[in-house]
Amino acid sequence: MQIAPIFSALRRHRLATLLIAMEIALACAVLCNACFLIVYRLDQMHINSGVDETSLAQIKADCIDDCNEVDLNARILSTLGQMPGVQSASVINAVPFGDHAGTAGITLDSAGRKFGGVIDFYVGGPGSFDALGLKLVKGVAPQTDDYVSLNDFVPANASAWVTRALAEHLWPGTDPLGQEFWMDKFHFRVAGVVAHLARPGGGEGGPATREWSAYVPGLPGKHLSGNYLVRAQPDRLPQVLRDARAAVVKVAPDAVLDLPASRTISDLRSTYFQQDVAMTGILLGVIAALLLVTALGIVGLASFWVAQRRRQIGVRRALGATRSDILRYFQTENFLIVSMGVALGMVLAYGLNIWLMLSYELPRLPVYYLPIGVVVLWLLGQLAVLAPAFRAAAVPPVVATRSE
């Protein structure tokens, strides 16, 4: 089939062609970026926390009326440790998907000139490292002597266990064991590396920072109290958590139990990613609505052109054109319009992605999303034009020539 007659027909309907092409371009730009955002959100939702989520729960009790933190820890730990089903109970300042408790910027020199980034400090009492189920890749687990008193929310001079992601960021290509870093006047020396440990609130600097975490051993006391890590068998954890909440209310009347925070780590994860789940659903709805509107636009335009060209179609049929020829004509015409639209749409897709990168710290749109969007719109265009094209191909030559 010759393409020239099709372009000649499109030039006579410039406005309608331009409107459909612009609609397809917008659909291409939104489709590519929406699919990318969905995959990005799903990737975030499946982040490896690094801890044994199914076996862990958090109990949070806030001190009131200047209660004695040391006494509070002793009472709650003793009560939790004696409860049926509890494998271990320990003090920790934060858990993955919970509240921030130790976010701070670090430097690689004591003078503070070489900035390393903003990380999260997990400060845990004896037993918390093993309870979390962290996987060591270098070094040894914290020993008794590693647990020291806290001068603030962290010890003044302590050993630290960093994640592999943080170690590769701070000391690329070198052995992180024995390396040092500072947080203001506080000094830390790396004693081990763990495979994964997600930050409590995710990475503020984008996906690359989601595991910029460090575990620091500390002794429970004034600066480390009120937040407790409970470990139990996964099948018994919900009951253990209910019993633990009730027991803490009784044994610690001088503290307020934080019910929203006193949950299993799995529940905290679900709550943390509620907005991502909702956003994914919204984006899927946007994609479906946009594709539907685009398909309806193609159907409407093709139907309008079929009605306008009935005499031309009849002439072609009378001159020997088959139904397949008429069908291919409209399919080719639609393919050309969609191709013009997606060519512009690919440019718009990258423009939209640049705006998202600058506004929301999203990564660059991978190039393979563009051909996927193009193929989807090509298929959509061919499916949408089928019904009008079949109606055009079914017009009898005699009826068409007498329509005017």
Protein backbone atom coordinates (compact mmCIF):
# COMPACT_ATOMS: atom_id res chain seq x y z
CA MET A 1 0.00 0.00 0.00
CA GLN A 2 1.24 3.45 -0.93
CA ILE A 3 1.74 5.81 2.00
CA ALA A 4 1.48 9.03 -0.04
CA PRO A 5 -2.35 8.97 -0.40
CA ILE A 6 -2.66 8.47 3.36
CA PHE A 7 -0.47 11.50 4.11
CA SER A 8 -2.46 13.48 1.56
CA ALA A 9 -5.69 12.58 3.38
CA LEU A 10 -4.17 13.46 6.76
CA ARG A 11 -3.08 16.88 5.48
CA ARG A 12 -6.69 17.64 4.64
CA HIS A 13 -7.62 16.91 8.27
CA ARG A 14 -4.70 18.61 9.99
CA LEU A 15 -6.52 19.72 13.13
CA ALA A 16 -8.12 16.38 13.91
CA THR A 17 -4.85 14.57 13.20
CA LEU A 18 -2.91 16.99 15.40
CA LEU A 19 -5.35 16.62 18.30
CA ILE A 20 -5.18 12.82 18.25
CA ALA A 21 -1.39 12.89 17.90
CA MET A 22 -1.11 15.26 20.88
CA GLU A 23 -3.41 13.04 22.92
CA ILE A 24 -1.23 10.04 22.10
CA ALA A 25 1.92 12.02 22.95
CA LEU A 26 0.49 12.91 26.35
CA ALA A 27 -0.56 9.30 26.90
CA CYS A 28 2.95 8.11 26.02
CA ALA A 29 4.62 10.56 28.43
CA VAL A 30 2.27 9.76 31.30
CA LEU A 31 2.25 6.01 30.62
CA CYS A 32 6.04 5.69 30.67
CA ASN A 33 6.48 7.75 33.83
CA ALA A 34 3.49 6.22 35.63
CA CYS A 35 4.76 2.70 34.96
CA PHE A 36 8.20 3.75 36.16
CA LEU A 37 6.72 5.23 39.35
CA ILE A 38 4.75 2.04 40.00
CA VAL A 39 7.85 -0.13 39.63
CA TYR A 40 9.81 2.33 41.79
CA ARG A 41 7.15 2.21 44.53
CA LEU A 42 6.98 -1.56 44.42
CA ASP A 43 10.76 -1.74 44.69
CA GLN A 44 10.64 0.48 47.77
CA MET A 45 7.91 -1.64 49.33
CA HIS A 46 10.04 -4.78 48.96
CA ILE A 47 13.13 -3.32 50.60
CA ASN A 48 15.07 -5.83 52.68
CA SER A 49 14.87 -4.56 56.26
CA GLY A 50 17.71 -6.86 57.35
CA VAL A 51 15.83 -8.01 60.46
CA ASP A 52 13.69 -11.05 61.24
CA GLU A 53 10.40 -9.21 60.82
CA THR A 54 8.04 -12.14 61.42
CA SER A 55 9.54 -12.80 64.87
CA LEU A 56 9.82 -9.25 66.20
CA ALA A 57 7.56 -6.71 67.84
CA GLN A 58 8.14 -3.31 69.39
CA ILE A 59 6.76 -2.11 72.72
CA LYS A 60 6.99 1.63 73.25
CA ALA A 61 6.26 3.30 76.61
CA ASP A 62 6.86 7.01 77.12
CA CYS A 63 7.99 8.23 80.55
CA ILE A 64 5.80 10.78 82.33
CA ASP A 65 6.30 12.86 85.48
CA ASP A 66 10.09 12.48 85.37
CA CYS A 67 10.01 8.74 85.94
CA ASN A 68 13.24 6.89 86.62
CA GLU A 69 14.40 5.45 83.29
CA VAL A 70 16.70 2.88 84.87
CA ASP A 71 13.92 1.57 87.10
CA LEU A 72 11.45 1.64 84.20
CA ASN A 73 13.79 -0.47 82.05
CA ALA A 74 14.34 -2.95 84.87
CA ARG A 75 10.63 -3.43 85.53
CA ILE A 76 9.59 -3.76 81.90
CA LEU A 77 12.49 -6.00 80.84
CA SER A 78 11.95 -8.26 83.83
CA THR A 79 8.24 -8.54 83.08
CA LEU A 80 8.67 -9.13 79.36
CA GLY A 81 11.48 -11.64 79.86
CA GLN A 82 9.30 -13.82 82.13
CA MET A 83 6.27 -13.89 79.85
CA PRO A 84 5.39 -17.22 78.16
CA GLY A 85 6.49 -17.31 74.54
CA VAL A 86 9.01 -14.47 74.79
CA GLN A 87 12.40 -15.57 73.51
CA SER A 88 14.16 -12.32 74.33
CA ALA A 89 13.42 -8.76 75.40
CA SER A 90 15.88 -5.91 74.99
CA VAL A 91 16.07 -2.13 74.82
CA ILE A 92 16.55 -0.39 71.47
CA ASN A 93 16.02 3.18 70.33
CA ALA A 94 14.28 2.37 67.02
CA VAL A 95 13.21 -0.41 64.68
CA PRO A 96 12.82 -0.53 60.88
CA PHE A 97 9.64 1.22 59.66
CA GLY A 98 9.19 2.85 63.06
CA ASP A 99 9.90 6.36 64.29
CA HIS A 100 13.23 8.11 63.79
CA ALA A 101 15.35 8.17 66.95
CA GLY A 102 18.95 8.76 65.89
CA THR A 103 19.28 10.55 62.56
CA ALA A 104 22.47 12.58 62.21
CA GLY A 105 25.15 13.68 59.76
CA ILE A 106 28.58 12.08 60.01
CA THR A 107 32.07 13.03 58.86
CA LEU A 108 35.14 10.98 58.04
CA ASP A 109 37.52 13.24 59.95
CA SER A 110 37.50 14.65 63.46
CA ALA A 111 37.67 18.20 62.13
CA GLY A 112 34.35 17.76 60.38
CA ARG A 113 35.58 18.76 56.93
CA LYS A 114 34.85 15.53 55.03
CA PHE A 115 31.08 15.00 55.12
CA GLY A 116 29.96 11.38 54.84
CA GLY A 117 26.18 11.78 54.68
CA VAL A 118 23.12 11.60 56.91
CA ILE A 119 22.60 8.19 58.49
CA ASP A 120 20.44 6.57 61.16
CA PHE A 121 21.92 5.21 64.38
CA TYR A 122 20.33 2.14 65.91
CA VAL A 123 21.39 2.10 69.55
CA GLY A 124 20.61 -1.22 71.21
CA GLY A 125 21.13 -2.76 74.61
CA PRO A 126 22.47 -6.26 75.34
CA GLY A 127 20.65 -8.92 73.36
CA SER A 128 19.19 -6.57 70.74
CA PHE A 129 21.75 -7.37 68.01
CA ASP A 130 21.00 -11.11 68.15
CA ALA A 131 17.26 -10.46 68.52
CA LEU A 132 17.18 -8.39 65.32
CA GLY A 133 18.66 -11.32 63.41
CA LEU A 134 21.22 -9.19 61.57
CA LYS A 135 23.46 -11.07 59.15
CA LEU A 136 27.15 -10.36 59.63
CA VAL A 137 29.31 -10.25 56.51
CA LYS A 138 32.48 -8.95 58.22
CA GLY A 139 33.72 -8.76 61.79
CA VAL A 140 32.14 -10.35 64.86
CA ALA A 141 28.96 -9.68 66.78
CA PRO A 142 29.05 -7.17 69.67
CA GLN A 143 30.66 -8.49 72.84
CA THR A 144 29.86 -7.60 76.44
CA ASP A 145 32.60 -4.96 76.60
CA ASP A 146 31.16 -3.21 73.54
CA TYR A 147 28.07 -2.07 75.47
CA VAL A 148 28.96 1.27 77.04
CA SER A 149 27.05 4.11 78.68
CA LEU A 150 25.49 6.81 76.55
CA ASN A 151 26.53 10.45 76.83
CA ASP A 152 23.64 11.55 74.62
CA PHE A 153 21.56 9.46 72.22
CA VAL A 154 24.84 7.69 71.32
CA PRO A 155 28.03 6.87 73.29
CA ALA A 156 30.92 9.31 73.06
CA ASN A 157 33.37 6.66 71.87
CA ALA A 158 32.01 3.34 70.66
CA SER A 159 32.26 0.49 68.21
CA ALA A 160 29.77 0.48 65.35
CA TRP A 161 28.35 -2.09 62.97
CA VAL A 162 27.53 -0.50 59.61
CA THR A 163 25.57 -1.83 56.67
CA ARG A 164 27.31 -3.00 53.54
CA ALA A 165 25.65 -0.19 51.56
CA LEU A 166 26.95 2.46 53.97
CA ALA A 167 30.44 0.93 54.01
CA GLU A 168 30.62 0.95 50.21
CA HIS A 169 29.52 4.59 50.20
CA LEU A 170 32.00 5.78 52.84
CA TRP A 171 35.03 3.63 51.99
CA PRO A 172 34.64 2.35 48.43
CA GLY A 173 37.10 -0.35 47.48
CA THR A 174 38.68 -0.59 50.97
CA ASP A 175 38.19 -2.80 54.00
CA PRO A 176 35.74 -0.99 56.32
CA LEU A 177 36.85 -2.84 59.46
CA GLY A 178 38.73 -0.46 61.73
CA GLN A 179 37.65 2.63 59.78
CA GLU A 180 36.57 5.65 61.82
CA PHE A 181 33.85 8.27 61.53
CA TRP A 182 32.55 11.09 63.69
CA MET A 183 29.24 12.68 64.56
CA ASP A 184 30.21 16.05 66.00
CA LYS A 185 32.27 15.16 69.10
CA PHE A 186 31.21 11.51 69.08
CA HIS A 187 33.70 9.03 67.68
CA PHE A 188 33.02 5.58 66.20
CA ARG A 189 35.19 2.75 64.96
CA VAL A 190 33.77 0.10 62.60
CA ALA A 191 33.84 -3.34 64.22
CA GLY A 192 31.61 -5.17 61.78
CA VAL A 193 29.52 -5.03 58.64
CA VAL A 194 25.96 -6.35 58.30
CA ALA A 195 24.31 -7.30 55.02
CA HIS A 196 21.20 -5.15 55.43
CA LEU A 197 19.56 -2.83 57.96
CA ALA A 198 16.95 -0.44 56.60
CA ARG A 199 16.61 3.02 58.11
CA PRO A 200 13.51 3.55 60.28
CA GLY A 201 12.01 6.15 57.96
CA GLY A 202 13.60 5.24 54.64
CA GLY A 203 16.20 7.28 52.80
CA GLU A 204 15.68 11.01 52.58
CA GLY A 205 18.33 11.26 49.89
CA GLY A 206 16.71 8.74 47.55
CA PRO A 207 16.84 4.95 47.11
CA ALA A 208 20.64 4.79 47.48
CA THR A 209 20.43 5.94 51.12
CA ARG A 210 17.74 3.56 52.35
CA GLU A 211 20.32 1.36 54.10
CA TRP A 212 22.64 4.03 55.47
CA SER A 213 22.39 2.66 58.99
CA ALA A 214 24.75 1.89 61.85
CA TYR A 215 24.15 -0.27 64.92
CA VAL A 216 25.85 1.00 68.09
CA PRO A 217 25.82 -1.05 71.33
CA GLY A 218 24.79 0.91 74.42
CA LEU A 219 23.76 0.32 78.01
CA PRO A 220 20.11 1.04 78.86
CA GLY A 221 19.62 4.10 81.04
CA LYS A 222 18.54 7.71 80.90
CA HIS A 223 19.27 8.08 77.19
CA LEU A 224 18.14 4.58 76.19
CA SER A 225 14.78 3.62 77.62
CA GLY A 226 11.12 3.26 76.83
CA ASN A 227 11.49 1.31 73.57
CA TYR A 228 11.66 -2.49 73.77
CA LEU A 229 12.31 -5.20 71.22
CA VAL A 230 10.42 -8.45 71.84
CA ARG A 231 11.25 -11.67 70.00
CA ALA A 232 8.96 -14.69 69.80
CA GLN A 233 8.00 -17.52 67.50
CA PRO A 234 6.15 -16.10 64.46
CA ASP A 235 2.98 -18.09 65.18
CA ARG A 236 2.90 -16.92 68.80
CA LEU A 237 3.98 -13.31 68.23
CA PRO A 238 0.46 -11.75 67.95
CA GLN A 239 -0.61 -13.28 71.29
CA VAL A 240 2.72 -12.41 72.91
CA LEU A 241 2.31 -8.81 71.75
CA ARG A 242 -1.21 -8.55 73.22
CA ASP A 243 -0.03 -9.97 76.53
CA ALA A 244 3.03 -7.72 76.55
CA ARG A 245 0.93 -4.59 76.05
CA ALA A 246 -1.33 -5.52 78.95
CA ALA A 247 1.62 -6.41 81.19
CA VAL A 248 3.45 -3.13 80.51
CA VAL A 249 0.35 -1.10 81.42
CA LYS A 250 0.21 -2.88 84.78
CA VAL A 251 3.90 -2.91 85.65
CA ALA A 252 4.66 0.65 84.46
CA PRO A 253 1.82 2.99 85.53
CA ASP A 254 4.30 5.87 85.40
CA ALA A 255 4.62 5.45 81.62
CA VAL A 256 2.17 5.82 78.74
CA LEU A 257 1.94 2.91 76.33
CA ASP A 258 2.17 4.09 72.72
CA LEU A 259 -0.33 1.73 71.10
CA PRO A 260 0.21 2.78 67.45
CA ALA A 261 3.96 2.15 67.82
CA SER A 262 3.60 -1.03 69.92
CA ARG A 263 3.13 -3.45 67.06
CA THR A 264 4.87 -6.21 65.17
CA ILE A 265 7.53 -5.16 62.68
CA SER A 266 5.41 -6.69 59.89
CA ASP A 267 2.48 -4.44 60.87
CA LEU A 268 4.77 -1.42 61.06
CA ARG A 269 5.97 -2.21 57.52
CA SER A 270 2.38 -2.43 56.24
CA THR A 271 1.47 0.90 57.83
CA TYR A 272 4.65 2.55 56.59
CA PHE A 273 3.89 1.64 52.98
CA GLN A 274 0.15 2.40 53.04
CA GLN A 275 0.66 5.58 51.06
CA ASP A 276 2.77 3.75 48.49
CA VAL A 277 0.03 1.13 48.04
CA ALA A 278 -2.56 3.90 47.63
CA MET A 279 -0.33 5.78 45.18
CA THR A 280 0.21 2.61 43.13
CA GLY A 281 -3.55 2.12 42.91
CA ILE A 282 -4.05 5.74 41.85
CA LEU A 283 -1.39 5.46 39.15
CA LEU A 284 -2.94 2.25 37.82
CA GLY A 285 -6.27 4.05 37.68
CA VAL A 286 -4.68 6.97 35.84
CA ILE A 287 -3.10 4.62 33.31
CA ALA A 288 -6.37 2.77 32.72
CA ALA A 289 -8.35 6.00 32.35
CA LEU A 290 -5.77 7.56 30.02
CA LEU A 291 -5.62 4.49 27.78
CA LEU A 292 -9.43 4.34 27.68
CA VAL A 293 -9.73 8.01 26.73
CA THR A 294 -7.04 7.60 24.08
CA ALA A 295 -8.77 4.53 22.64
CA LEU A 296 -12.12 6.33 22.57
CA GLY A 297 -10.50 9.28 20.80
CA ILE A 298 -9.09 6.99 18.12
CA VAL A 299 -12.43 5.20 17.72
CA GLY A 300 -14.28 8.52 17.46
CA LEU A 301 -11.93 9.97 14.89
CA ALA A 302 -11.85 6.81 12.79
CA SER A 303 -15.65 6.54 12.90
CA PHE A 304 -15.98 10.18 11.82
CA TRP A 305 -13.60 9.63 8.92
CA VAL A 306 -15.41 6.47 7.84
CA ALA A 307 -18.68 8.41 7.73
CA GLN A 308 -17.05 11.20 5.73
CA ARG A 309 -15.34 8.86 3.27
CA ARG A 310 -18.17 6.52 2.41
CA ARG A 311 -18.22 7.71 -1.21
CA GLN A 312 -14.42 7.41 -1.49
CA ILE A 313 -14.54 3.92 0.01
CA GLY A 314 -17.29 2.98 -2.46
CA VAL A 315 -15.23 4.25 -5.37
CA ARG A 316 -12.23 2.22 -4.27
CA ARG A 317 -14.39 -0.86 -3.81
CA ALA A 318 -15.88 -0.35 -7.27
CA LEU A 319 -12.38 -0.10 -8.72
CA GLY A 320 -11.45 -3.46 -7.24
CA ALA A 321 -10.26 -2.76 -3.69
CA THR A 322 -11.03 -5.67 -1.38
CA ARG A 323 -12.27 -5.50 2.19
CA SER A 324 -8.75 -6.35 3.33
CA ASP A 325 -7.39 -3.36 1.38
CA ILE A 326 -9.82 -1.00 3.12
CA LEU A 327 -9.02 -2.52 6.50
CA ARG A 328 -5.26 -2.17 5.94
CA TYR A 329 -5.74 1.44 4.81
CA PHE A 330 -7.32 2.50 8.10
CA GLN A 331 -4.86 0.44 10.15
CA THR A 332 -1.91 2.01 8.34
CA GLU A 333 -3.38 5.48 8.73
CA ASN A 334 -3.82 4.92 12.45
CA PHE A 335 -0.29 3.51 12.73
CA LEU A 336 1.14 6.67 11.19
CA ILE A 337 -0.86 8.96 13.49
CA VAL A 338 0.18 6.97 16.57
CA SER A 339 3.80 6.97 15.41
CA MET A 340 3.78 10.76 15.13
CA GLY A 341 2.25 10.97 18.59
CA VAL A 342 4.70 8.61 20.29
CA ALA A 343 7.67 10.36 18.65
CA LEU A 344 6.63 13.54 20.43
CA GLY A 345 5.58 11.55 23.49
CA MET A 346 9.08 10.17 24.05
CA VAL A 347 10.43 13.72 24.26
CA LEU A 348 7.64 14.69 26.65
CA ALA A 349 8.30 11.55 28.74
CA TYR A 350 11.88 12.58 29.41
CA GLY A 351 10.85 16.17 30.06
CA LEU A 352 8.33 14.98 32.65
CA ASN A 353 10.92 12.70 34.19
CA ILE A 354 13.41 15.56 34.54
CA TRP A 355 10.78 17.57 36.39
CA LEU A 356 10.10 14.60 38.71
CA MET A 357 13.84 14.19 39.32
CA LEU A 358 14.21 17.84 40.32
CA SER A 359 11.03 17.97 42.41
CA TYR A 360 10.94 14.56 44.11
CA GLU A 361 14.50 13.18 43.92
CA LEU A 362 13.45 10.32 41.65
CA PRO A 363 16.02 8.50 39.51
CA ARG A 364 16.26 8.92 35.75
CA LEU A 365 13.70 7.12 33.61
CA PRO A 366 15.33 3.98 32.15
CA VAL A 367 15.36 4.10 28.36
CA TYR A 368 13.64 0.71 27.97
CA TYR A 369 10.37 2.19 29.26
CA LEU A 370 10.05 4.19 26.03
CA PRO A 371 9.81 1.27 23.57
CA ILE A 372 7.43 -0.47 25.96
CA GLY A 373 5.16 2.58 25.94
CA VAL A 374 5.41 2.86 22.16
CA VAL A 375 4.44 -0.79 21.62
CA VAL A 376 1.50 -0.49 24.04
CA LEU A 377 0.15 2.56 22.22
CA TRP A 378 0.69 0.98 18.80
CA LEU A 379 -1.31 -2.07 19.91
CA LEU A 380 -3.96 0.11 21.51
CA GLY A 381 -4.29 2.13 18.31
CA GLN A 382 -4.67 -0.96 16.15
CA LEU A 383 -7.27 -2.46 18.47
CA ALA A 384 -9.22 0.81 18.72
CA VAL A 385 -9.39 1.31 14.96
CA LEU A 386 -10.55 -2.24 14.20
CA ALA A 387 -14.29 -1.65 14.70
CA PRO A 388 -14.48 1.48 12.48
CA ALA A 389 -12.20 -0.17 9.92
CA PHE A 390 -14.40 -3.27 9.75
CA ARG A 391 -17.45 -1.04 9.27
CA ALA A 392 -15.67 0.73 6.43
CA ALA A 393 -14.64 -2.55 4.82
CA ALA A 394 -18.22 -3.82 5.02
CA VAL A 395 -19.71 -0.94 2.98
CA PRO A 396 -21.06 -2.37 -0.33
CA PRO A 397 -19.74 -0.55 -3.42
CA VAL A 398 -23.19 0.25 -4.84
CA VAL A 399 -24.53 1.67 -1.57
CA ALA A 400 -21.42 3.78 -1.10
CA THR A 401 -21.55 5.31 -4.59
CA ARG A 402 -25.23 6.25 -4.13
CA SER A 403 -24.77 7.71 -0.60
CA GLU A 404 -24.62 11.24 -2.00
